[in-house]
């Protein structure tokens, strides 16, 4: 059945990107970050491609995402790292989901779930090395380690990872990078002195940007996210050989000829300069097309780039074709890898003053994902 719009996901590109990142990781294990519906690409099919490309583990922000992967038949190790009070910890443990903690309160909550279920919780302890977001401040790190060791002695948890996250790895040379590496080394040393480290404990710090620029930060495992989907983690340094996996298309819903001076869409922010042909593109801000794409973003229609003409609406926007032919049902490419002259996700991000992550993760559930192998 034809749909007004669809996001076409090239799974071969995902596999190729992961294989490239695994090579760049120089022997470190790869945990593919598939949070946020695999960055908008579709959780289970894309995660399977990530694993086929060479990742051995998956990472999600939320437990619900990890449980959806299990329900979809994914058996690889999964880490969930953003856990708020009252989440389904029992279910996570019974489905072999590894968990992260950065404070004693959460560690104790997870331990209680382990006692209830009789399952040992596999724990990654997160240190805040300078991002001031998640993670335990280094001043509180020894207390977290001590409590984790008490619970390990009880047999309710096992420490399997020690990790942190870069704040500015996508800004090469930023002074915080060296400071975070030093702080992470301090956290590791304290863990070793306490008896919470060892050959079985995975050390991980690097995101996509760090993988391509910071070989000293590889440690035992790397956690690529945006790069797996073919989008550069540091656009000013190029694409690193990555291939964009998502192509967003829509089918023209209506074509009409209008007179010179016709106001188009809400607020009449666009007025036709002459008699012209307008095309209705049936996708809008409810589907993740940013409203401020109005008059800025381009699409490919009829073999040429066209600006969004007039205000982006909830379900649609217009394009001005001039005298070029257009028919209902014709395909418009909002963005793709650029092979056919269409804009890329990076172009949309640059035009709209945002990052590629926001462009792809905002594509909503009304837009079906269609997979190419």
Protein backbone atom coordinates (compact mmCIF):
# COMPACT_ATOMS: atom_id res chain seq x y z
CA UNK A 1 0.00 0.00 0.00
CA UNK A 2 1.37 3.38 -0.96
CA UNK A 3 1.95 5.83 1.90
CA UNK A 4 2.28 9.62 1.76
CA UNK A 5 5.91 9.42 2.88
CA UNK A 6 8.49 6.82 3.87
CA UNK A 7 11.98 6.65 5.30
CA UNK A 8 14.08 4.20 3.32
CA UNK A 9 16.84 2.66 5.42
CA UNK A 10 19.82 1.10 3.67
CA UNK A 11 20.84 -1.71 6.01
CA UNK A 12 23.86 -2.53 3.86
CA UNK A 13 25.12 1.00 4.54
CA UNK A 14 24.65 0.44 8.29
CA UNK A 15 26.65 -2.80 8.13
CA UNK A 16 29.35 -1.10 6.08
CA UNK A 17 29.58 1.82 8.50
CA UNK A 18 29.86 -0.46 11.54
CA UNK A 19 32.56 -2.53 9.85
CA UNK A 20 34.52 0.65 9.10
CA UNK A 21 34.19 1.85 12.71
CA UNK A 22 35.24 -1.55 14.02
CA UNK A 23 38.37 -1.31 11.88
CA UNK A 24 39.06 2.20 13.16
CA UNK A 25 38.61 0.95 16.73
CA UNK A 26 41.75 -1.12 16.31
CA UNK A 27 40.65 -4.26 18.10
CA UNK A 28 38.37 -2.72 20.70
CA UNK A 29 34.95 -4.29 21.07
CA UNK A 30 32.03 -2.33 19.55
CA UNK A 31 28.81 -1.46 21.36
CA UNK A 32 26.36 0.05 18.90
CA UNK A 33 24.23 2.83 20.38
CA UNK A 34 20.70 2.13 19.13
CA UNK A 35 18.74 4.39 21.49
CA UNK A 36 15.91 6.55 20.16
CA UNK A 37 14.64 3.86 17.77
CA UNK A 38 18.17 3.40 16.41
CA UNK A 39 18.41 7.16 15.82
CA UNK A 40 15.10 7.07 13.99
CA UNK A 41 16.08 4.22 11.66
CA UNK A 42 13.94 1.51 13.30
CA UNK A 43 15.08 -0.34 16.41
CA UNK A 44 15.10 -4.06 15.68
CA UNK A 45 15.96 -4.25 11.96
CA UNK A 46 18.70 -1.66 12.31
CA UNK A 47 20.11 -3.26 15.46
CA UNK A 48 20.34 -6.58 13.65
CA UNK A 49 22.32 -4.86 10.89
CA UNK A 50 24.59 -3.24 13.51
CA UNK A 51 25.39 -6.67 14.92
CA UNK A 52 25.90 -8.13 11.46
CA UNK A 53 28.35 -5.32 10.74
CA UNK A 54 30.60 -6.38 13.60
CA UNK A 55 29.24 -4.91 16.83
CA UNK A 56 29.11 -7.45 19.65
CA UNK A 57 26.95 -5.40 22.02
CA UNK A 58 24.14 -2.86 21.89
CA UNK A 59 23.47 0.19 24.06
CA UNK A 60 20.16 1.88 24.81
CA UNK A 61 19.26 4.86 26.92
CA UNK A 62 16.15 3.29 28.45
CA UNK A 63 15.23 -0.14 29.76
CA UNK A 64 12.08 -0.09 27.62
CA UNK A 65 14.27 0.06 24.52
CA UNK A 66 16.31 -2.93 25.68
CA UNK A 67 13.15 -4.92 26.41
CA UNK A 68 11.83 -4.09 22.94
CA UNK A 69 15.04 -5.52 21.49
CA UNK A 70 14.59 -8.70 23.51
CA UNK A 71 10.97 -8.94 22.37
CA UNK A 72 12.24 -8.58 18.81
CA UNK A 73 14.51 -11.58 19.21
CA UNK A 74 17.84 -9.83 19.79
CA UNK A 75 20.02 -11.95 22.08
CA UNK A 76 23.28 -9.95 22.09
CA UNK A 77 24.40 -8.23 25.33
CA UNK A 78 22.53 -4.95 25.89
CA UNK A 79 23.39 -2.13 28.27
CA UNK A 80 20.78 0.43 29.40
CA UNK A 81 22.25 3.49 31.10
CA UNK A 82 19.51 6.03 31.85
CA UNK A 83 17.41 4.67 34.69
CA UNK A 84 14.94 6.65 36.78
CA UNK A 85 13.25 5.48 40.01
CA UNK A 86 10.53 2.86 39.69
CA UNK A 87 11.52 1.41 36.32
CA UNK A 88 10.99 -2.32 35.55
CA UNK A 89 14.27 -3.53 36.99
CA UNK A 90 12.98 -7.04 37.67
CA UNK A 91 12.02 -7.43 34.02
CA UNK A 92 15.35 -6.02 32.90
CA UNK A 93 17.26 -8.56 34.97
CA UNK A 94 15.13 -11.50 33.90
CA UNK A 95 15.82 -10.51 30.27
CA UNK A 96 19.58 -10.27 30.82
CA UNK A 97 19.81 -6.51 30.37
CA UNK A 98 22.99 -4.99 31.78
CA UNK A 99 22.45 -1.82 33.79
CA UNK A 100 24.40 1.30 34.66
CA UNK A 101 24.50 3.14 37.97
CA UNK A 102 26.14 6.37 39.07
CA UNK A 103 24.91 6.62 42.67
CA UNK A 104 24.35 4.37 45.64
CA UNK A 105 20.57 4.88 45.63
CA UNK A 106 20.18 3.32 42.19
CA UNK A 107 22.71 0.63 42.95
CA UNK A 108 20.67 -0.39 45.99
CA UNK A 109 17.44 -0.34 43.98
CA UNK A 110 18.99 -2.66 41.38
CA UNK A 111 20.35 -4.92 44.14
CA UNK A 112 16.84 -5.22 45.59
CA UNK A 113 15.57 -6.31 42.17
CA UNK A 114 18.36 -8.87 41.99
CA UNK A 115 17.30 -10.33 45.33
CA UNK A 116 13.66 -10.52 44.23
CA UNK A 117 14.45 -12.22 40.94
CA UNK A 118 17.40 -14.33 42.01
CA UNK A 119 19.36 -12.89 39.08
CA UNK A 120 22.79 -11.33 39.44
CA UNK A 121 22.74 -7.79 38.05
CA UNK A 122 25.53 -7.11 35.58
CA UNK A 123 26.57 -3.53 36.37
CA UNK A 124 28.47 -0.80 34.55
CA UNK A 125 29.52 1.97 36.94
CA UNK A 126 29.61 5.43 35.36
CA UNK A 127 32.06 8.13 36.40
CA UNK A 128 31.50 11.81 35.66
CA UNK A 129 34.84 12.85 34.19
CA UNK A 130 33.82 16.36 33.25
CA UNK A 131 30.55 16.39 31.35
CA UNK A 132 28.53 17.16 34.50
CA UNK A 133 25.61 15.15 33.17
CA UNK A 134 25.34 11.46 34.07
CA UNK A 135 27.95 9.69 36.15
CA UNK A 136 29.29 9.81 39.67
CA UNK A 137 31.47 12.82 40.54
CA UNK A 138 34.98 11.64 41.34
CA UNK A 139 34.54 12.84 44.92
CA UNK A 140 31.68 10.33 45.33
CA UNK A 141 33.28 7.60 43.20
CA UNK A 142 35.03 5.78 46.11
CA UNK A 143 31.71 5.48 47.97
CA UNK A 144 30.00 4.08 44.86
CA UNK A 145 32.82 1.58 44.40
CA UNK A 146 32.67 0.54 48.06
CA UNK A 147 28.94 -0.09 47.93
CA UNK A 148 29.27 -1.99 44.66
CA UNK A 149 31.91 -4.23 46.24
CA UNK A 150 29.65 -4.91 49.23
CA UNK A 151 26.85 -5.95 46.91
CA UNK A 152 29.24 -8.02 44.82
CA UNK A 153 30.30 -9.86 47.97
CA UNK A 154 26.63 -10.55 48.66
CA UNK A 155 26.35 -12.03 45.19
CA UNK A 156 23.58 -9.75 43.91
CA UNK A 157 25.65 -7.73 41.44
CA UNK A 158 28.70 -8.24 39.28
CA UNK A 159 30.82 -5.28 38.11
CA UNK A 160 31.31 -5.76 34.37
CA UNK A 161 32.04 -2.21 33.17
CA UNK A 162 33.58 1.12 34.16
CA UNK A 163 32.68 3.95 31.85
CA UNK A 164 32.29 7.62 31.15
CA UNK A 165 31.29 9.93 28.28
CA UNK A 166 33.07 12.72 26.40
CA UNK A 167 31.58 16.21 26.31
CA UNK A 168 33.64 17.69 23.46
CA UNK A 169 35.18 14.86 21.44
CA UNK A 170 33.56 16.39 18.36
CA UNK A 171 35.68 19.53 18.86
CA UNK A 172 39.22 18.28 18.15
CA UNK A 173 41.79 19.86 20.43
CA UNK A 174 39.26 21.05 22.99
CA UNK A 175 41.06 21.29 26.37
CA UNK A 176 38.34 19.29 28.12
CA UNK A 177 39.33 16.16 26.18
CA UNK A 178 42.69 15.79 27.89
CA UNK A 179 41.13 16.64 31.25
CA UNK A 180 38.48 13.97 30.81
CA UNK A 181 41.03 11.35 29.82
CA UNK A 182 43.03 12.17 32.93
CA UNK A 183 39.92 12.03 35.12
CA UNK A 184 38.90 8.71 33.60
CA UNK A 185 42.34 7.29 34.31
CA UNK A 186 41.96 8.47 37.91
CA UNK A 187 38.59 6.73 38.15
CA UNK A 188 40.09 3.52 36.77
CA UNK A 189 43.01 3.69 39.19
CA UNK A 190 40.67 4.15 42.16
CA UNK A 191 38.62 1.20 40.97
CA UNK A 192 41.72 -0.93 40.64
CA UNK A 193 42.92 0.02 44.11
CA UNK A 194 39.51 -0.83 45.55
CA UNK A 195 39.43 -4.19 43.81
CA UNK A 196 36.61 -3.27 41.43
CA UNK A 197 38.63 -3.58 38.22
CA UNK A 198 40.18 -6.53 36.45
CA UNK A 199 40.55 -8.25 33.10
CA UNK A 200 36.83 -9.09 33.02
CA UNK A 201 35.75 -5.47 33.58
CA UNK A 202 35.17 -3.52 30.36
CA UNK A 203 36.56 0.01 30.19
CA UNK A 204 34.68 2.26 27.74
CA UNK A 205 34.72 5.96 26.99
CA UNK A 206 34.71 6.65 23.23
CA UNK A 207 31.72 7.84 21.22
CA UNK A 208 31.70 8.22 17.41
CA UNK A 209 33.84 11.37 17.40
CA UNK A 210 36.43 9.85 19.72
CA UNK A 211 36.66 6.69 17.60
CA UNK A 212 37.78 8.67 14.54
CA UNK A 213 40.12 11.11 16.32
CA UNK A 214 41.31 9.71 19.67
CA UNK A 215 42.97 6.29 19.42
CA UNK A 216 44.24 6.72 22.99
CA UNK A 217 40.63 6.61 24.21
CA UNK A 218 39.67 3.24 22.72
CA UNK A 219 40.28 1.13 25.84
CA UNK A 220 38.36 -2.17 25.69
CA UNK A 221 35.20 -1.03 23.95
CA UNK A 222 33.88 1.88 21.87
CA UNK A 223 30.30 3.12 21.60
CA UNK A 224 29.53 4.49 18.12
CA UNK A 225 26.20 6.19 17.63
CA UNK A 226 25.61 8.71 14.85
CA UNK A 227 28.47 7.38 12.70
CA UNK A 228 26.81 3.97 12.36
CA UNK A 229 24.02 5.66 10.45
CA UNK A 230 26.46 7.21 8.00
CA UNK A 231 26.47 10.71 9.45
CA UNK A 232 29.77 12.34 10.28
CA UNK A 233 30.47 12.95 13.98
CA UNK A 234 32.77 15.84 13.00
CA UNK A 235 31.38 17.27 9.74
CA UNK A 236 34.15 19.81 9.27
CA UNK A 237 36.62 16.93 8.95
CA UNK A 238 34.61 15.14 6.26
CA UNK A 239 32.56 11.96 6.16
CA UNK A 240 35.34 9.49 7.14
CA UNK A 241 34.13 7.11 4.41
CA UNK A 242 30.69 6.69 6.01
CA UNK A 243 27.54 6.32 3.92
CA UNK A 244 24.21 7.88 4.94
CA UNK A 245 21.67 5.15 5.55
CA UNK A 246 18.36 7.05 5.53
CA UNK A 247 16.55 8.51 2.53
CA UNK A 248 13.32 10.40 3.27
CA UNK A 249 10.78 10.59 0.45
CA UNK A 250 7.19 11.77 0.01
CA UNK A 251 4.67 11.50 -2.82
CA UNK A 252 3.02 14.61 -4.20
CA UNK A 253 -0.58 14.77 -3.03
CA UNK A 254 -1.89 17.64 -5.14
CA UNK A 255 -0.70 19.81 -8.04
CA UNK A 256 -2.28 23.14 -8.86
CA UNK A 257 -1.65 26.15 -11.04
CA UNK A 258 -1.91 29.49 -9.22
CA UNK A 259 -1.76 33.09 -10.26
CA UNK A 260 1.01 35.63 -9.75
CA UNK A 261 0.80 37.16 -6.27
CA UNK A 262 -0.80 34.14 -4.61
CA UNK A 263 0.01 33.81 -0.91
CA UNK A 264 1.08 30.31 0.03
CA UNK A 265 0.40 28.52 3.35
CA UNK A 266 -0.11 30.04 6.81
CA UNK A 267 0.86 33.65 7.21
CA UNK A 268 1.53 34.07 3.49
CA UNK A 269 5.27 34.06 4.15
CA UNK A 270 5.72 33.11 0.51
CA UNK A 271 4.05 34.86 -2.40
CA UNK A 272 4.34 33.66 -5.97
CA UNK A 273 6.24 36.01 -8.27
CA UNK A 274 4.36 34.84 -11.38
CA UNK A 275 1.82 32.28 -12.48
CA UNK A 276 3.29 29.01 -11.33
CA UNK A 277 2.73 25.35 -10.40
CA UNK A 278 2.59 24.39 -6.73
CA UNK A 279 3.01 20.88 -5.37
CA UNK A 280 1.72 19.64 -2.03
CA UNK A 281 4.20 17.45 -0.13
CA UNK A 282 2.28 15.41 2.49
CA UNK A 283 4.70 15.47 5.42
CA UNK A 284 5.00 18.16 8.09
CA UNK A 285 6.15 19.09 11.56
CA UNK A 286 4.04 16.31 13.11
CA UNK A 287 6.34 13.96 11.20
CA UNK A 288 9.53 15.68 12.33
CA UNK A 289 10.01 18.24 9.57
CA UNK A 290 11.20 21.25 11.51
CA UNK A 291 8.84 24.22 11.19
CA UNK A 292 11.74 26.57 10.61
CA UNK A 293 12.55 24.64 7.43
CA UNK A 294 10.10 27.18 6.00
CA UNK A 295 11.80 28.99 3.13
CA UNK A 296 15.18 27.44 4.00
CA UNK A 297 15.37 23.72 3.38
CA UNK A 298 15.51 22.24 -0.11
CA UNK A 299 14.04 19.07 -1.56
CA UNK A 300 14.61 17.31 -4.89
CA UNK A 301 11.57 17.33 -7.18
CA UNK A 302 11.40 17.00 -10.94
CA UNK A 303 15.16 16.64 -11.17
CA UNK A 304 15.94 19.95 -9.43
CA UNK A 305 16.29 21.36 -5.93
CA UNK A 306 13.24 23.30 -4.71
CA UNK A 307 12.92 25.44 -1.60
CA UNK A 308 10.12 24.78 0.84
CA UNK A 309 7.60 27.43 -0.25
CA UNK A 310 5.70 28.96 2.64
CA UNK A 311 5.12 27.77 6.17
CA UNK A 312 5.70 24.11 7.01
CA UNK A 313 2.34 22.85 8.35
CA UNK A 314 1.53 19.97 10.68
CA UNK A 315 0.99 17.48 7.86
CA UNK A 316 2.27 19.13 4.69
CA UNK A 317 4.27 21.81 2.95
CA UNK A 318 4.36 23.28 -0.54
CA UNK A 319 7.00 23.57 -3.25
CA UNK A 320 7.03 25.96 -6.22
CA UNK A 321 7.75 24.17 -9.50
CA UNK A 322 7.52 27.18 -11.81
CA UNK A 323 6.63 25.80 -15.22
CA UNK A 324 8.27 22.41 -14.66
CA UNK A 325 5.98 19.37 -14.91
CA UNK A 326 4.71 17.67 -11.78
CA UNK A 327 1.94 15.14 -11.15
CA UNK A 328 0.18 13.72 -8.14
CA UNK A 329 2.08 10.65 -6.97
CA UNK A 330 5.47 11.94 -8.16
CA UNK A 331 8.23 11.34 -5.66
CA UNK A 332 9.99 14.13 -3.79
CA UNK A 333 13.25 13.39 -1.98
CA UNK A 334 13.70 15.47 1.15
CA UNK A 335 17.15 14.07 1.87
CA UNK A 336 19.31 11.09 1.01
CA UNK A 337 22.97 10.17 0.52
CA UNK A 338 23.26 12.72 -2.29
CA UNK A 339 23.73 10.28 -5.16
CA UNK A 340 20.95 11.80 -7.24
CA UNK A 341 21.58 15.43 -6.38
CA UNK A 342 19.22 15.42 -3.41
CA UNK A 343 20.12 17.25 -0.19
CA UNK A 344 21.81 15.21 2.52
CA UNK A 345 20.92 15.10 6.21
CA UNK A 346 24.05 17.16 6.85
CA UNK A 347 22.80 19.86 4.47
CA UNK A 348 19.46 19.98 6.26
CA UNK A 349 21.21 20.22 9.62
CA UNK A 350 23.54 22.98 8.45
CA UNK A 351 20.69 24.93 6.86
CA UNK A 352 18.51 24.68 9.97
CA UNK A 353 21.26 25.36 12.50
CA UNK A 354 21.12 21.99 14.21
CA UNK A 355 22.86 18.60 14.15
CA UNK A 356 22.13 15.52 12.06
CA UNK A 357 21.06 13.62 15.18
CA UNK A 358 18.02 15.88 15.55
CA UNK A 359 17.00 15.60 11.89
CA UNK A 360 16.84 11.79 11.79
CA UNK A 361 15.53 11.13 15.30
CA UNK A 362 12.59 13.50 14.82
CA UNK A 363 11.09 11.53 11.91
CA UNK A 364 7.82 10.37 13.43
CA UNK A 365 5.87 7.15 13.61
CA UNK A 366 3.48 8.10 10.79
CA UNK A 367 6.41 7.70 8.41
CA UNK A 368 7.00 3.98 7.87
CA UNK A 369 10.54 2.69 7.70
CA UNK A 370 11.19 0.64 4.58
CA UNK A 371 14.32 -1.51 4.59
CA UNK A 372 16.74 -2.25 1.82
CA UNK A 373 19.26 -5.00 2.38
